[in-house]
Each structure stands twice: as C-alpha cells, then as structure tokens.
Amino acid sequence: MEKVQLPEVLREALDYLEGKSLDEKLARLVASDLKRRLQICFQRIVDFEAKYGMEFDRFAQAWQAGEIPSPYSYEVEHDYMEWESVVDEFKQLLSYLRRLKRRPSPSQ
C-alpha cells in the first residue's frame, strides 16, 4: 500500500467526515463524486434521448441504416460522438461505483 502525506487542512477535513476509518471516509468521498458524475452523465443522456426520441443503441443502429436525417451534419455527428462518449463514461463510472460498494471492509 502506498503511503500518502496529506496537508494539515485535508487531515482536519477528513477527521470531520463520517466514517470509522480513513479507508471508509475515502470510500464515501469517492462514491459521492462518482454519484455526482453519474447524475451529470445521466442528464446528458436524457437530453440526447429527448432530442432524438430514442436511446443511443437505437440511434447508432438508425445511423448505420441511414435512417437519421443529415447524419454527417456538424450537429448530428457531434451529438453522436458526444452521446457515445457520455454513455461509455456512464458505464465506466457505474462499474467503479459497483466495485467500490462490493469491496470488503478493512475490518474483514
């Protein structure tokens, strides 16, 4: 395990946080940030789904089938790349959160 030296202000703030151990406190902080970022991704996904009236997988299929109007316009192509990226990020963040929740506690 790598040792980390923290500035005094961070140690004081960590002492104030909920949790029995430093590991638990850090896990809570990381989980909180992952959830915040998931909410941002989720909202972006919902915005794209509302704009195009479908989920990304269906949009990608429609794109490949030539069913999306002006697929190579700047707006549509940009949306496709951003939407795909946000969906991938959402999946990655969710994976991290699930792994964090399954981790054994230090007392086990």
PDB file of N, CA and C in Angstrom:
ATOM      1  N   MET A   1       0.854  -1.184   0.000  1.00  0.00           N
ATOM      2  CA  MET A   1       0.000   0.000   0.000  1.00  0.00           C
ATOM      3  C   MET A   1       0.887   1.229   0.000  1.00  0.00           C
ATOM      4  N   GLU A   2       0.573   2.159  -0.855  1.00  0.00           N
ATOM      5  CA  GLU A   2       1.317   3.411  -0.966  1.00  0.00           C
ATOM      6  C   GLU A   2       0.924   4.355   0.165  1.00  0.00           C
ATOM      7  N   LYS A   3       1.906   4.988   0.762  1.00  0.00           N
ATOM      8  CA  LYS A   3       1.629   5.967   1.816  1.00  0.00           C
ATOM      9  C   LYS A   3       1.492   7.337   1.180  1.00  0.00           C
ATOM     10  N   VAL A   4       0.544   8.099   1.709  1.00  0.00           N
ATOM     11  CA  VAL A   4       0.279   9.427   1.191  1.00  0.00           C
ATOM     12  C   VAL A   4       0.375  10.424   2.338  1.00  0.00           C
ATOM     13  N   GLN A   5       1.088  11.488   2.108  1.00  0.00           N
ATOM     14  CA  GLN A   5       1.152  12.545   3.107  1.00  0.00           C
ATOM     15  C   GLN A   5       0.136  13.604   2.731  1.00  0.00           C
ATOM     16  N   LEU A   6      -0.692  13.960   3.704  1.00  0.00           N
ATOM     17  CA  LEU A   6      -1.740  14.940   3.453  1.00  0.00           C
ATOM     18  C   LEU A   6      -1.431  16.245   4.166  1.00  0.00           C
ATOM     19  N   PRO A   7      -1.751  17.349   3.527  1.00  0.00           N
ATOM     20  CA  PRO A   7      -1.633  18.628   4.219  1.00  0.00           C
ATOM     21  C   PRO A   7      -2.563  18.649   5.437  1.00  0.00           C
ATOM     22  N   GLU A   8      -2.206  19.439   6.408  1.00  0.00           N
ATOM     23  CA  GLU A   8      -2.967  19.511   7.665  1.00  0.00           C
ATOM     24  C   GLU A   8      -4.444  19.812   7.420  1.00  0.00           C
ATOM     25  N   VAL A   9      -4.744  20.725   6.519  1.00  0.00           N
ATOM     26  CA  VAL A   9      -6.137  21.091   6.260  1.00  0.00           C
ATOM     27  C   VAL A   9      -6.939  19.883   5.767  1.00  0.00           C
ATOM     28  N   LEU A  10      -6.335  19.021   4.952  1.00  0.00           N
ATOM     29  CA  LEU A  10      -7.043  17.824   4.481  1.00  0.00           C
ATOM     30  C   LEU A  10      -7.234  16.824   5.605  1.00  0.00           C
ATOM     31  N   ARG A  11      -6.224  16.665   6.455  1.00  0.00           N
ATOM     32  CA  ARG A  11      -6.368  15.745   7.602  1.00  0.00           C
ATOM     33  C   ARG A  11      -7.488  16.213   8.517  1.00  0.00           C
ATOM     34  N   GLU A  12      -7.556  17.513   8.760  1.00  0.00           N
ATOM     35  CA  GLU A  12      -8.625  18.052   9.614  1.00  0.00           C
ATOM     36  C   GLU A  12      -9.992  17.823   8.987  1.00  0.00           C
ATOM     37  N   ALA A  13     -10.088  18.061   7.689  1.00  0.00           N
ATOM     38  CA  ALA A  13     -11.364  17.863   6.999  1.00  0.00           C
ATOM     39  C   ALA A  13     -11.759  16.386   7.024  1.00  0.00           C
ATOM     40  N   LEU A  14     -10.798  15.494   6.824  1.00  0.00           N
ATOM     41  CA  LEU A  14     -11.089  14.058   6.863  1.00  0.00           C
ATOM     42  C   LEU A  14     -11.549  13.634   8.252  1.00  0.00           C
ATOM     43  N   ASP A  15     -10.969  14.210   9.280  1.00  0.00           N
ATOM     44  CA  ASP A  15     -11.406  13.898  10.644  1.00  0.00           C
ATOM     45  C   ASP A  15     -12.870  14.261  10.852  1.00  0.00           C
ATOM     46  N   TYR A  16     -13.322  15.285  10.175  1.00  0.00           N
ATOM     47  CA  TYR A  16     -14.683  15.776  10.313  1.00  0.00           C
ATOM     48  C   TYR A  16     -15.704  14.902   9.575  1.00  0.00           C
ATOM     49  N   LEU A  17     -15.257  14.170   8.566  1.00  0.00           N
ATOM     50  CA  LEU A  17     -16.175  13.372   7.746  1.00  0.00           C
ATOM     51  C   LEU A  17     -16.674  12.135   8.471  1.00  0.00           C
ATOM     52  N   GLU A  18     -17.836  11.651   8.023  1.00  0.00           N
ATOM     53  CA  GLU A  18     -18.383  10.410   8.562  1.00  0.00           C
ATOM     54  C   GLU A  18     -17.513   9.235   8.149  1.00  0.00           C
ATOM     55  N   GLY A  19     -17.423   8.261   9.030  1.00  0.00           N
ATOM     56  CA  GLY A  19     -16.663   7.059   8.745  1.00  0.00           C
ATOM     57  C   GLY A  19     -15.785   6.693   9.920  1.00  0.00           C
ATOM     58  N   LYS A  20     -15.611   5.395  10.105  1.00  0.00           N
ATOM     59  CA  LYS A  20     -14.828   4.911  11.241  1.00  0.00           C
ATOM     60  C   LYS A  20     -13.337   4.892  10.949  1.00  0.00           C
ATOM     61  N   SER A  21     -12.979   4.746   9.681  1.00  0.00           N
ATOM     62  CA  SER A  21     -11.571   4.645   9.322  1.00  0.00           C
ATOM     63  C   SER A  21     -11.303   5.567   8.128  1.00  0.00           C
ATOM     64  N   LEU A  22     -10.039   5.807   7.885  1.00  0.00           N
ATOM     65  CA  LEU A  22      -9.666   6.618   6.735  1.00  0.00           C
ATOM     66  C   LEU A  22     -10.149   5.958   5.441  1.00  0.00           C
ATOM     67  N   ASP A  23     -10.035   4.638   5.364  1.00  0.00           N
ATOM     68  CA  ASP A  23     -10.498   3.900   4.198  1.00  0.00           C
ATOM     69  C   ASP A  23     -11.986   4.135   3.963  1.00  0.00           C
ATOM     70  N   GLU A  24     -12.772   4.059   5.014  1.00  0.00           N
ATOM     71  CA  GLU A  24     -14.220   4.256   4.882  1.00  0.00           C
ATOM     72  C   GLU A  24     -14.539   5.695   4.475  1.00  0.00           C
ATOM     73  N   LYS A  25     -13.830   6.642   5.050  1.00  0.00           N
ATOM     74  CA  LYS A  25     -14.058   8.045   4.707  1.00  0.00           C
ATOM     75  C   LYS A  25     -13.709   8.315   3.246  1.00  0.00           C
ATOM     76  N   LEU A  26     -12.585   7.792   2.797  1.00  0.00           N
ATOM     77  CA  LEU A  26     -12.186   7.985   1.404  1.00  0.00           C
ATOM     78  C   LEU A  26     -13.156   7.289   0.456  1.00  0.00           C
ATOM     79  N   ALA A  27     -13.613   6.107   0.836  1.00  0.00           N
ATOM     80  CA  ALA A  27     -14.584   5.387   0.002  1.00  0.00           C
ATOM     81  C   ALA A  27     -15.871   6.192  -0.130  1.00  0.00           C
ATOM     82  N   ARG A  28     -16.302   6.816   0.954  1.00  0.00           N
ATOM     83  CA  ARG A  28     -17.511   7.646   0.912  1.00  0.00           C
ATOM     84  C   ARG A  28     -17.308   8.847  -0.013  1.00  0.00           C
ATOM     85  N   LEU A  29     -16.134   9.476   0.077  1.00  0.00           N
ATOM     86  CA  LEU A  29     -15.840  10.620  -0.786  1.00  0.00           C
ATOM     87  C   LEU A  29     -15.840  10.218  -2.263  1.00  0.00           C
ATOM     88  N   VAL A  30     -15.176   9.116  -2.552  1.00  0.00           N
ATOM     89  CA  VAL A  30     -15.112   8.643  -3.933  1.00  0.00           C
ATOM     90  C   VAL A  30     -16.506   8.280  -4.429  1.00  0.00           C
ATOM     91  N   ALA A  31     -17.284   7.571  -3.610  1.00  0.00           N
ATOM     92  CA  ALA A  31     -18.641   7.195  -4.001  1.00  0.00           C
ATOM     93  C   ALA A  31     -19.493   8.436  -4.261  1.00  0.00           C
ATOM     94  N   SER A  32     -19.343   9.426  -3.426  1.00  0.00           N
ATOM     95  CA  SER A  32     -20.099  10.660  -3.594  1.00  0.00           C
ATOM     96  C   SER A  32     -19.754  11.337  -4.921  1.00  0.00           C
ATOM     97  N   ASP A  33     -18.478  11.393  -5.249  1.00  0.00           N
ATOM     98  CA  ASP A  33     -18.067  12.004  -6.514  1.00  0.00           C
ATOM     99  C   ASP A  33     -18.552  11.180  -7.708  1.00  0.00           C
ATOM    100  N   LEU A  34     -18.454   9.864  -7.607  1.00  0.00           N
ATOM    101  CA  LEU A  34     -18.937   9.011  -8.699  1.00  0.00           C
ATOM    102  C   LEU A  34     -20.435   9.221  -8.926  1.00  0.00           C
ATOM    103  N   LYS A  35     -21.199   9.300  -7.843  1.00  0.00           N
ATOM    104  CA  LYS A  35     -22.645   9.517  -7.966  1.00  0.00           C
ATOM    105  C   LYS A  35     -22.948  10.870  -8.598  1.00  0.00           C
ATOM    106  N   ARG A  36     -22.207  11.893  -8.207  1.00  0.00           N
ATOM    107  CA  ARG A  36     -22.395  13.227  -8.775  1.00  0.00           C
ATOM    108  C   ARG A  36     -22.129  13.200 -10.277  1.00  0.00           C
ATOM    109  N   ARG A  37     -21.042  12.544 -10.664  1.00  0.00           N
ATOM    110  CA  ARG A  37     -20.699  12.467 -12.081  1.00  0.00           C
ATOM    111  C   ARG A  37     -21.690  11.601 -12.849  1.00  0.00           C
ATOM    112  N   LEU A  38     -22.215  10.548 -12.217  1.00  0.00           N
ATOM    113  CA  LEU A  38     -23.253   9.726 -12.848  1.00  0.00           C
ATOM    114  C   LEU A  38     -24.498  10.554 -13.126  1.00  0.00           C
ATOM    115  N   GLN A  39     -24.873  11.404 -12.185  1.00  0.00           N
ATOM    116  CA  GLN A  39     -26.056  12.254 -12.383  1.00  0.00           C
ATOM    117  C   GLN A  39     -25.867  13.191 -13.570  1.00  0.00           C
ATOM    118  N   ILE A  40     -24.672  13.748 -13.703  1.00  0.00           N
ATOM    119  CA  ILE A  40     -24.393  14.637 -14.830  1.00  0.00           C
ATOM    120  C   ILE A  40     -24.490  13.864 -16.152  1.00  0.00           C
ATOM    121  N   CYS A  41     -23.870  12.691 -16.195  1.00  0.00           N
ATOM    122  CA  CYS A  41     -23.945  11.849 -17.403  1.00  0.00           C
ATOM    123  C   CYS A  41     -25.380  11.463 -17.711  1.00  0.00           C
ATOM    124  N   PHE A  42     -26.110  11.052 -16.693  1.00  0.00           N
ATOM    125  CA  PHE A  42     -27.491  10.632 -16.884  1.00  0.00           C
ATOM    126  C   PHE A  42     -28.323  11.766 -17.491  1.00  0.00           C
ATOM    127  N   GLN A  43     -28.140  12.976 -16.986  1.00  0.00           N
ATOM    128  CA  GLN A  43     -28.894  14.103 -17.518  1.00  0.00           C
ATOM    129  C   GLN A  43     -28.542  14.365 -18.976  1.00  0.00           C
ATOM    130  N   ARG A  44     -27.267  14.257 -19.325  1.00  0.00           N
ATOM    131  CA  ARG A  44     -26.860  14.437 -20.724  1.00  0.00           C
ATOM    132  C   ARG A  44     -27.495  13.364 -21.609  1.00  0.00           C
ATOM    133  N   ILE A  45     -27.508  12.127 -21.118  1.00  0.00           N
ATOM    134  CA  ILE A  45     -28.117  11.027 -21.877  1.00  0.00           C
ATOM    135  C   ILE A  45     -29.603  11.294 -22.091  1.00  0.00           C
ATOM    136  N   VAL A  46     -30.287  11.711 -21.033  1.00  0.00           N
ATOM    137  CA  VAL A  46     -31.718  12.026 -21.144  1.00  0.00           C
ATOM    138  C   VAL A  46     -31.940  13.151 -22.151  1.00  0.00           C
ATOM    139  N   ASP A  47     -31.070  14.147 -22.142  1.00  0.00           N
ATOM    140  CA  ASP A  47     -31.209  15.251 -23.098  1.00  0.00           C
ATOM    141  C   ASP A  47     -31.097  14.744 -24.538  1.00  0.00           C
ATOM    142  N   PHE A  48     -30.124  13.880 -24.806  1.00  0.00           N
ATOM    143  CA  PHE A  48     -29.973  13.328 -26.152  1.00  0.00           C
ATOM    144  C   PHE A  48     -31.167  12.447 -26.510  1.00  0.00           C
ATOM    145  N   GLU A  49     -31.625  11.634 -25.571  1.00  0.00           N
ATOM    146  CA  GLU A  49     -32.772  10.763 -25.849  1.00  0.00           C
ATOM    147  C   GLU A  49     -34.014  11.588 -26.156  1.00  0.00           C
ATOM    148  N   ALA A  50     -34.195  12.689 -25.447  1.00  0.00           N
ATOM    149  CA  ALA A  50     -35.340  13.564 -25.716  1.00  0.00           C
ATOM    150  C   ALA A  50     -35.196  14.234 -27.089  1.00  0.00           C
ATOM    151  N   LYS A  51     -33.992  14.652 -27.415  1.00  0.00           N
ATOM    152  CA  LYS A  51     -33.744  15.331 -28.689  1.00  0.00           C
ATOM    153  C   LYS A  51     -34.008  14.415 -29.881  1.00  0.00           C
ATOM    154  N   TYR A  52     -33.569  13.151 -29.777  1.00  0.00           N
ATOM    155  CA  TYR A  52     -33.674  12.232 -30.915  1.00  0.00           C
ATOM    156  C   TYR A  52     -34.796  11.203 -30.768  1.00  0.00           C
ATOM    157  N   GLY A  53     -35.449  11.173 -29.621  1.00  0.00           N
ATOM    158  CA  GLY A  53     -36.599  10.294 -29.436  1.00  0.00           C
ATOM    159  C   GLY A  53     -36.263   8.818 -29.360  1.00  0.00           C
ATOM    160  N   MET A  54     -35.043   8.515 -28.926  1.00  0.00           N
ATOM    161  CA  MET A  54     -34.633   7.111 -28.824  1.00  0.00           C
ATOM    162  C   MET A  54     -33.392   7.007 -27.944  1.00  0.00           C
ATOM    163  N   GLU A  55     -33.096   5.777 -27.513  1.00  0.00           N
ATOM    164  CA  GLU A  55     -31.880   5.518 -26.758  1.00  0.00           C
ATOM    165  C   GLU A  55     -30.696   5.452 -27.710  1.00  0.00           C
ATOM    166  N   PHE A  56     -29.486   5.532 -27.162  1.00  0.00           N
ATOM    167  CA  PHE A  56     -28.296   5.592 -28.004  1.00  0.00           C
ATOM    168  C   PHE A  56     -28.140   4.363 -28.893  1.00  0.00           C
ATOM    169  N   ASP A  57     -28.351   3.160 -28.361  1.00  0.00           N
ATOM    170  CA  ASP A  57     -28.179   1.957 -29.181  1.00  0.00           C
ATOM    171  C   ASP A  57     -29.071   2.000 -30.420  1.00  0.00           C
ATOM    172  N   ARG A  58     -30.302   2.440 -30.246  1.00  0.00           N
ATOM    173  CA  ARG A  58     -31.224   2.549 -31.389  1.00  0.00           C
ATOM    174  C   ARG A  58     -30.757   3.645 -32.336  1.00  0.00           C
ATOM    175  N   PHE A  59     -30.270   4.755 -31.793  1.00  0.00           N
ATOM    176  CA  PHE A  59     -29.762   5.851 -32.612  1.00  0.00           C
ATOM    177  C   PHE A  59     -28.587   5.371 -33.464  1.00  0.00           C
ATOM    178  N   ALA A  60     -27.663   4.631 -32.843  1.00  0.00           N
ATOM    179  CA  ALA A  60     -26.494   4.117 -33.574  1.00  0.00           C
ATOM    180  C   ALA A  60     -26.937   3.178 -34.700  1.00  0.00           C
ATOM    181  N   GLN A  61     -27.931   2.334 -34.429  1.00  0.00           N
ATOM    182  CA  GLN A  61     -28.448   1.438 -35.469  1.00  0.00           C
ATOM    183  C   GLN A  61     -29.088   2.241 -36.598  1.00  0.00           C
ATOM    184  N   ALA A  62     -29.870   3.246 -36.229  1.00  0.00           N
ATOM    185  CA  ALA A  62     -30.537   4.084 -37.230  1.00  0.00           C
ATOM    186  C   ALA A  62     -29.498   4.856 -38.048  1.00  0.00           C
ATOM    187  N   TRP A  63     -28.444   5.276 -37.397  1.00  0.00           N
ATOM    188  CA  TRP A  63     -27.350   5.979 -38.092  1.00  0.00           C
ATOM    189  C   TRP A  63     -26.750   5.067 -39.160  1.00  0.00           C
ATOM    190  N   GLN A  64     -26.421   3.835 -38.747  1.00  0.00           N
ATOM    191  CA  GLN A  64     -25.815   2.873 -39.668  1.00  0.00           C
ATOM    192  C   GLN A  64     -26.760   2.513 -40.815  1.00  0.00           C
ATOM    193  N   ALA A  65     -28.055   2.506 -40.533  1.00  0.00           N
ATOM    194  CA  ALA A  65     -29.051   2.142 -41.541  1.00  0.00           C
ATOM    195  C   ALA A  65     -29.440   3.328 -42.431  1.00  0.00           C
ATOM    196  N   GLY A  66     -28.860   4.494 -42.165  1.00  0.00           N
ATOM    197  CA  GLY A  66     -29.183   5.665 -42.973  1.00  0.00           C
ATOM    198  C   GLY A  66     -30.536   6.267 -42.663  1.00  0.00           C
ATOM    199  N   GLU A  67     -31.041   6.013 -41.466  1.00  0.00           N
ATOM    200  CA  GLU A  67     -32.365   6.500 -41.084  1.00  0.00           C
ATOM    201  C   GLU A  67     -32.336   7.839 -40.347  1.00  0.00           C
ATOM    202  N   ILE A  68     -31.153   8.351 -40.066  1.00  0.00           N
ATOM    203  CA  ILE A  68     -31.028   9.624 -39.364  1.00  0.00           C
ATOM    204  C   ILE A  68     -30.842  10.726 -40.412  1.00  0.00           C
ATOM    205  N   PRO A  69     -31.719  11.732 -40.405  1.00  0.00           N
ATOM    206  CA  PRO A  69     -31.569  12.831 -41.370  1.00  0.00           C
ATOM    207  C   PRO A  69     -30.248  13.591 -41.143  1.00  0.00           C
ATOM    208  N   SER A  70     -29.594  13.936 -42.217  1.00  0.00           N
ATOM    209  CA  SER A  70     -28.335  14.700 -42.191  1.00  0.00           C
ATOM    210  C   SER A  70     -27.323  14.128 -41.200  1.00  0.00           C
ATOM    211  N   PRO A  71     -26.999  12.842 -41.326  1.00  0.00           N
ATOM    212  CA  PRO A  71     -26.137  12.208 -40.322  1.00  0.00           C
ATOM    213  C   PRO A  71     -24.735  12.805 -40.237  1.00  0.00           C
ATOM    214  N   TYR A  72     -24.268  13.428 -41.301  1.00  0.00           N
ATOM    215  CA  TYR A  72     -22.914  13.975 -41.291  1.00  0.00           C
ATOM    216  C   TYR A  72     -22.886  15.496 -41.129  1.00  0.00           C
ATOM    217  N   SER A  73     -24.032  16.055 -40.758  1.00  0.00           N
ATOM    218  CA  SER A  73     -24.019  17.481 -40.423  1.00  0.00           C
ATOM    219  C   SER A  73     -23.217  17.634 -39.135  1.00  0.00           C
ATOM    220  N   TYR A  74     -22.667  18.814 -38.935  1.00  0.00           N
ATOM    221  CA  TYR A  74     -21.840  19.044 -37.745  1.00  0.00           C
ATOM    222  C   TYR A  74     -22.610  18.694 -36.473  1.00  0.00           C
ATOM    223  N   GLU A  75     -23.847  19.177 -36.349  1.00  0.00           N
ATOM    224  CA  GLU A  75     -24.627  18.981 -35.135  1.00  0.00           C
ATOM    225  C   GLU A  75     -24.883  17.498 -34.854  1.00  0.00           C
ATOM    226  N   VAL A  76     -25.361  16.778 -35.847  1.00  0.00           N
ATOM    227  CA  VAL A  76     -25.720  15.373 -35.640  1.00  0.00           C
ATOM    228  C   VAL A  76     -24.472  14.529 -35.388  1.00  0.00           C
ATOM    229  N   GLU A  77     -23.442  14.760 -36.173  1.00  0.00           N
ATOM    230  CA  GLU A  77     -22.211  13.987 -35.986  1.00  0.00           C
ATOM    231  C   GLU A  77     -21.580  14.288 -34.625  1.00  0.00           C
ATOM    232  N   HIS A  78     -21.589  15.545 -34.240  1.00  0.00           N
ATOM    233  CA  HIS A  78     -21.056  15.936 -32.928  1.00  0.00           C
ATOM    234  C   HIS A  78     -21.879  15.300 -31.815  1.00  0.00           C
ATOM    235  N   ASP A  79     -23.199  15.343 -31.941  1.00  0.00           N
ATOM    236  CA  ASP A  79     -24.078  14.720 -30.944  1.00  0.00           C
ATOM    237  C   ASP A  79     -23.792  13.223 -30.824  1.00  0.00           C
ATOM    238  N   TYR A  80     -23.622  12.565 -31.976  1.00  0.00           N
ATOM    239  CA  TYR A  80     -23.335  11.129 -31.969  1.00  0.00           C
ATOM    240  C   TYR A  80     -22.073  10.843 -31.150  1.00  0.00           C
ATOM    241  N   MET A  81     -21.004  11.573 -31.429  1.00  0.00           N
ATOM    242  CA  MET A  81     -19.737  11.320 -30.733  1.00  0.00           C
ATOM    243  C   MET A  81     -19.838  11.645 -29.245  1.00  0.00           C
ATOM    244  N   GLU A  82     -20.490  12.766 -28.922  1.00  0.00           N
ATOM    245  CA  GLU A  82     -20.624  13.135 -27.516  1.00  0.00           C
ATOM    246  C   GLU A  82     -21.530  12.152 -26.777  1.00  0.00           C
ATOM    247  N   TRP A  83     -22.638  11.778 -27.386  1.00  0.00           N
ATOM    248  CA  TRP A  83     -23.592  10.853 -26.775  1.00  0.00           C
ATOM    249  C   TRP A  83     -22.908   9.518 -26.507  1.00  0.00           C
ATOM    250  N   GLU A  84     -22.205   9.015 -27.506  1.00  0.00           N
ATOM    251  CA  GLU A  84     -21.487   7.748 -27.336  1.00  0.00           C
ATOM    252  C   GLU A  84     -20.478   7.855 -26.183  1.00  0.00           C
ATOM    253  N   SER A  85     -19.766   8.951 -26.114  1.00  0.00           N
ATOM    254  CA  SER A  85     -18.778   9.172 -25.063  1.00  0.00           C
ATOM    255  C   SER A  85     -19.431   9.230 -23.681  1.00  0.00           C
ATOM    256  N   VAL A  86     -20.554   9.915 -23.590  1.00  0.00           N
ATOM    257  CA  VAL A  86     -21.253  10.039 -22.305  1.00  0.00           C
ATOM    258  C   VAL A  86     -21.807   8.682 -21.864  1.00  0.00           C
ATOM    259  N   VAL A  87     -22.324   7.900 -22.785  1.00  0.00           N
ATOM    260  CA  VAL A  87     -22.817   6.555 -22.457  1.00  0.00           C
ATOM    261  C   VAL A  87     -21.662   5.689 -21.953  1.00  0.00           C
ATOM    262  N   ASP A  88     -20.523   5.752 -22.618  1.00  0.00           N
ATOM    263  CA  ASP A  88     -19.345   4.993 -22.178  1.00  0.00           C
ATOM    264  C   ASP A  88     -18.882   5.445 -20.796  1.00  0.00           C
ATOM    265  N   GLU A  89     -18.844   6.763 -20.590  1.00  0.00           N
ATOM    266  CA  GLU A  89     -18.435   7.283 -19.282  1.00  0.00           C
ATOM    267  C   GLU A  89     -19.402   6.837 -18.192  1.00  0.00           C
ATOM    268  N   PHE A  90     -20.700   6.871 -18.477  1.00  0.00           N
ATOM    269  CA  PHE A  90     -21.709   6.437 -17.518  1.00  0.00           C
ATOM    270  C   PHE A  90     -21.466   4.983 -17.106  1.00  0.00           C
ATOM    271  N   LYS A  91     -21.226   4.141 -18.094  1.00  0.00           N
ATOM    272  CA  LYS A  91     -20.977   2.720 -17.814  1.00  0.00           C
ATOM    273  C   LYS A  91     -19.718   2.543 -16.966  1.00  0.00           C
ATOM    274  N   GLN A  92     -18.665   3.290 -17.279  1.00  0.00           N
ATOM    275  CA  GLN A  92     -17.414   3.186 -16.528  1.00  0.00           C
ATOM    276  C   GLN A  92     -17.593   3.667 -15.089  1.00  0.00           C
ATOM    277  N   LEU A  93     -18.257   4.789 -14.909  1.00  0.00           N
ATOM    278  CA  LEU A  93     -18.497   5.305 -13.557  1.00  0.00           C
ATOM    279  C   LEU A  93     -19.343   4.339 -12.749  1.00  0.00           C
ATOM    280  N   LEU A  94     -20.364   3.770 -13.366  1.00  0.00           N
ATOM    281  CA  LEU A  94     -21.215   2.804 -12.687  1.00  0.00           C
ATOM    282  C   LEU A  94     -20.429   1.567 -12.287  1.00  0.00           C
ATOM    283  N   SER A  95     -19.529   1.122 -13.147  1.00  0.00           N
ATOM    284  CA  SER A  95     -18.671  -0.020 -12.835  1.00  0.00           C
ATOM    285  C   SER A  95     -17.789   0.270 -11.623  1.00  0.00           C
ATOM    286  N   TYR A  96     -17.188   1.468 -11.596  1.00  0.00           N
ATOM    287  CA  TYR A  96     -16.357   1.854 -10.449  1.00  0.00           C
ATOM    288  C   TYR A  96     -17.185   1.880  -9.167  1.00  0.00           C
ATOM    289  N   LEU A  97     -18.392   2.451  -9.248  1.00  0.00           N
ATOM    290  CA  LEU A  97     -19.242   2.542  -8.059  1.00  0.00           C
ATOM    291  C   LEU A  97     -19.634   1.157  -7.565  1.00  0.00           C
ATOM    292  N   ARG A  98     -19.990   0.263  -8.467  1.00  0.00           N
ATOM    293  CA  ARG A  98     -20.341  -1.103  -8.077  1.00  0.00           C
ATOM    294  C   ARG A  98     -19.159  -1.808  -7.422  1.00  0.00           C
ATOM    295  N   ARG A  99     -17.968  -1.655  -8.004  1.00  0.00           N
ATOM    296  CA  ARG A  99     -16.773  -2.284  -7.425  1.00  0.00           C
ATOM    297  C   ARG A  99     -16.473  -1.709  -6.049  1.00  0.00           C
ATOM    298  N   LEU A 100     -16.668  -0.427  -5.893  1.00  0.00           N
ATOM    299  CA  LEU A 100     -16.427   0.220  -4.613  1.00  0.00           C
ATOM    300  C   LEU A 100     -17.400  -0.294  -3.560  1.00  0.00           C
ATOM    301  N   LYS A 101     -18.638  -0.493  -3.937  1.00  0.00           N
ATOM    302  CA  LYS A 101     -19.660  -0.976  -2.995  1.00  0.00           C
ATOM    303  C   LYS A 101     -19.422  -2.438  -2.598  1.00  0.00           C
ATOM    304  N   ARG A 102     -18.784  -3.212  -3.491  1.00  0.00           N
ATOM    305  CA  ARG A 102     -18.544  -4.632  -3.207  1.00  0.00           C
ATOM    306  C   ARG A 102     -17.259  -4.877  -2.436  1.00  0.00           C
ATOM    307  N   ARG A 103     -16.429  -3.853  -2.310  1.00  0.00           N
ATOM    308  CA  ARG A 103     -15.123  -4.070  -1.681  1.00  0.00           C
ATOM    309  C   ARG A 103     -15.319  -4.486  -0.230  1.00  0.00           C
ATOM    310  N   PRO A 104     -14.451  -5.374   0.242  1.00  0.00           N
ATOM    311  CA  PRO A 104     -14.542  -5.782   1.643  1.00  0.00           C
ATOM    312  C   PRO A 104     -14.126  -4.626   2.539  1.00  0.00           C
ATOM    313  N   SER A 105     -14.756  -4.562   3.682  1.00  0.00           N
ATOM    314  CA  SER A 105     -14.370  -3.509   4.637  1.00  0.00           C
ATOM    315  C   SER A 105     -13.032  -3.885   5.251  1.00  0.00           C
ATOM    316  N   PRO A 106     -12.252  -2.903   5.718  1.00  0.00           N
ATOM    317  CA  PRO A 106     -10.915  -3.178   6.255  1.00  0.00           C
ATOM    318  C   PRO A 106     -10.948  -4.075   7.489  1.00  0.00           C
ATOM    319  N   SER A 107     -12.073  -4.133   8.176  1.00  0.00           N
ATOM    320  CA  SER A 107     -12.161  -4.971   9.376  1.00  0.00           C
ATOM    321  C   SER A 107     -12.397  -6.445   9.059  1.00  0.00           C
ATOM    322  N   GLN A 108     -12.640  -6.758   7.774  1.00  0.00           N
ATOM    323  CA  GLN A 108     -12.909  -8.159   7.409  1.00  0.00           C
ATOM    324  C   GLN A 108     -11.643  -8.876   7.026  1.00  0.00           C
TER     325      GLN A 108
END
